[in-house]
Amino acid sequence: MLSDNHTIPERRARSHQEIDDLVECRTGALALYSELASKQPFKPEQDTQRLLQTFCESLIDYTASAHFQLYRHIDEDRERRQPIRAIADEIYPNISEITQQILDFNDKYDCEDHCGDFSHLATDLSQLGEKLADRIELEDRLIKLLASSRDHN
């Protein structure tokens, strides 16, 4: 029984760290998004291509982090707290759809130094920004509930 008591604080600490890691990863991707957006009008210059490549990598890292830090636990049916499951079930279809849009953006623009067609980048980046804002709002609902639930347990 004593070992069970030790695992609860450890699980809480790990969960808080996972959320912190996700938010940090997300913040990095958003900073790169902002930096890239400030380069408009886009020209196929090496600096822009490198920044776009770095942003795509960061975007995929963030997407993977969200999956592994938040959603995998719920997907694997390990979440027992009903309020968290209810929110997760509500937001997950939208998160999945936005994830696909992120992957589509990455597939289109993750081309290292050989991207030359930036004719749609401004529009695509703007649409991606709107989707990221939606995703963050959804994630924050879940994060807030997870943090609140863990603080009260």
Protein backbone atom coordinates (compact mmCIF):
# COMPACT_ATOMS: atom_id res chain seq x y z
CA MET A 1 0.00 0.00 0.00
CA LEU A 2 2.84 2.38 0.78
CA SER A 3 4.26 2.01 -2.73
CA ASP A 4 0.87 3.00 -4.21
CA ASN A 5 1.00 6.27 -2.27
CA HIS A 6 4.42 7.00 -3.73
CA THR A 7 3.24 6.44 -7.28
CA ILE A 8 0.38 8.94 -7.11
CA PRO A 9 2.63 11.99 -6.55
CA GLU A 10 5.05 10.64 -9.13
CA ARG A 11 2.25 10.24 -11.69
CA ARG A 12 1.01 13.76 -10.95
CA ALA A 13 4.49 15.21 -11.32
CA ARG A 14 4.99 13.33 -14.59
CA SER A 15 1.62 14.52 -15.89
CA HIS A 16 2.39 18.13 -15.02
CA GLN A 17 5.78 17.79 -16.72
CA GLU A 18 4.16 16.34 -19.85
CA ILE A 19 1.75 19.28 -20.02
CA ASP A 20 4.62 21.73 -19.49
CA ASP A 21 6.59 20.01 -22.28
CA LEU A 22 3.61 20.23 -24.62
CA VAL A 23 3.05 23.92 -23.91
CA GLU A 24 6.76 24.64 -24.40
CA CYS A 25 6.78 22.78 -27.72
CA ARG A 26 3.63 24.60 -28.81
CA THR A 27 5.11 27.97 -27.85
CA GLY A 28 8.19 27.25 -29.95
CA ALA A 29 6.07 26.37 -32.98
CA LEU A 30 4.00 29.54 -32.55
CA ALA A 31 7.13 31.70 -32.30
CA LEU A 32 8.37 30.24 -35.58
CA TYR A 33 4.93 30.74 -37.12
CA SER A 34 5.07 34.41 -36.16
CA GLU A 35 8.60 34.80 -37.49
CA LEU A 36 7.64 33.14 -40.78
CA ALA A 37 4.47 35.22 -41.14
CA SER A 38 6.55 38.38 -40.73
CA LYS A 39 8.53 37.48 -43.88
CA GLN A 40 5.61 38.35 -46.17
CA PRO A 41 5.55 38.84 -49.07
CA PHE A 42 7.22 35.46 -49.47
CA LYS A 43 10.06 35.08 -51.91
CA PRO A 44 11.90 31.84 -52.64
CA GLU A 45 15.02 32.94 -50.79
CA GLN A 46 17.22 30.55 -48.88
CA ASP A 47 16.52 32.20 -45.51
CA THR A 48 12.77 31.89 -46.02
CA GLN A 49 13.14 28.29 -47.19
CA ARG A 50 15.20 27.42 -44.11
CA LEU A 51 12.74 29.12 -41.78
CA LEU A 52 9.84 27.33 -43.46
CA GLN A 53 11.67 24.02 -43.04
CA THR A 54 12.36 24.73 -39.37
CA PHE A 55 8.74 25.75 -38.82
CA CYS A 56 7.46 22.55 -40.46
CA GLU A 57 9.73 20.46 -38.22
CA SER A 58 8.57 22.35 -35.14
CA LEU A 59 4.94 22.01 -36.18
CA ILE A 60 5.27 18.24 -36.51
CA ASP A 61 7.13 18.04 -33.18
CA TYR A 62 4.28 19.95 -31.53
CA THR A 63 1.64 17.76 -33.16
CA ALA A 64 3.44 14.60 -32.06
CA SER A 65 3.96 16.00 -28.57
CA ALA A 66 0.26 16.73 -28.23
CA HIS A 67 -0.55 13.20 -29.30
CA PHE A 68 1.90 11.56 -26.94
CA GLN A 69 1.39 13.93 -23.99
CA LEU A 70 -2.40 14.26 -24.07
CA TYR A 71 -4.32 12.09 -26.47
CA ARG A 72 -2.52 8.74 -26.41
CA HIS A 73 -3.39 8.27 -22.74
CA ILE A 74 -7.04 8.86 -23.57
CA ASP A 75 -6.92 6.83 -26.81
CA GLU A 76 -5.57 3.85 -24.91
CA ASP A 77 -8.56 4.07 -22.57
CA ARG A 78 -6.41 4.67 -19.50
CA GLU A 79 -8.24 7.82 -18.43
CA ARG A 80 -10.75 7.00 -15.69
CA ARG A 81 -11.94 10.49 -14.76
CA GLN A 82 -15.29 10.93 -16.48
CA PRO A 83 -15.19 14.75 -16.90
CA ILE A 84 -11.85 14.46 -18.70
CA ARG A 85 -13.09 11.62 -20.90
CA ALA A 86 -16.19 13.65 -21.78
CA ILE A 87 -14.18 16.71 -22.86
CA ALA A 88 -11.67 14.53 -24.71
CA ASP A 89 -14.45 12.72 -26.56
CA GLU A 90 -15.98 16.08 -27.47
CA ILE A 91 -12.81 17.73 -28.78
CA TYR A 92 -10.89 14.79 -30.24
CA PRO A 93 -12.70 14.69 -33.62
CA ASN A 94 -11.82 18.37 -34.18
CA ILE A 95 -8.25 17.78 -33.02
CA SER A 96 -7.93 14.89 -35.48
CA GLU A 97 -9.23 17.02 -38.34
CA ILE A 98 -6.83 19.85 -37.51
CA THR A 99 -3.98 17.35 -37.21
CA GLN A 100 -4.68 16.23 -40.77
CA GLN A 101 -4.59 19.84 -41.95
CA ILE A 102 -1.24 20.30 -40.19
CA LEU A 103 0.11 17.19 -41.91
CA ASP A 104 -1.17 18.44 -45.27
CA PHE A 105 0.59 21.79 -44.75
CA ASN A 106 3.77 19.94 -43.81
CA ASP A 107 3.56 17.67 -46.85
CA LYS A 108 3.18 20.70 -49.10
CA TYR A 109 5.93 22.88 -47.61
CA ASP A 110 8.44 20.58 -45.90
CA CYS A 111 10.80 20.56 -48.84
CA GLU A 112 14.09 21.80 -47.39
CA ASP A 113 15.87 24.08 -49.84
CA HIS A 114 13.98 23.19 -53.01
CA CYS A 115 10.69 24.98 -52.34
CA GLY A 116 10.22 27.51 -55.04
CA ASP A 117 6.49 28.02 -55.27
CA PHE A 118 5.39 30.31 -52.48
CA SER A 119 2.38 31.63 -54.39
CA HIS A 120 -0.07 30.08 -51.91
CA LEU A 121 2.07 30.22 -48.78
CA ALA A 122 0.52 33.40 -47.36
CA THR A 123 -3.01 32.01 -47.73
CA ASP A 124 -2.03 28.55 -46.50
CA LEU A 125 -0.18 30.01 -43.52
CA SER A 126 -3.15 32.21 -42.62
CA GLN A 127 -5.54 29.26 -42.76
CA LEU A 128 -3.11 27.17 -40.73
CA GLY A 129 -2.91 29.96 -38.14
CA GLU A 130 -6.69 29.89 -37.74
CA LYS A 131 -6.65 26.12 -37.31
CA LEU A 132 -3.81 26.31 -34.79
CA ALA A 133 -5.79 28.87 -32.78
CA ASP A 134 -8.78 26.50 -32.79
CA ARG A 135 -6.60 23.57 -31.77
CA ILE A 136 -4.96 25.50 -28.94
CA GLU A 137 -8.34 26.54 -27.60
CA LEU A 138 -9.47 22.91 -27.60
CA GLU A 139 -6.23 21.66 -26.04
CA ASP A 140 -6.37 24.31 -23.36
CA ARG A 141 -9.83 23.14 -22.33
CA LEU A 142 -8.42 19.68 -21.75
CA ILE A 143 -5.21 20.92 -20.14
CA LYS A 144 -7.15 23.14 -17.74
CA LEU A 145 -9.35 20.24 -16.71
CA LEU A 146 -6.38 17.89 -16.33
CA ALA A 147 -4.48 20.41 -14.21
CA SER A 148 -7.53 21.19 -12.09
CA SER A 149 -8.35 17.54 -11.60
CA ARG A 150 -4.79 16.67 -10.62
CA ASP A 151 -4.55 19.55 -8.20
CA HIS A 152 -7.69 18.37 -6.40
CA ASN A 153 -6.80 14.68 -6.25
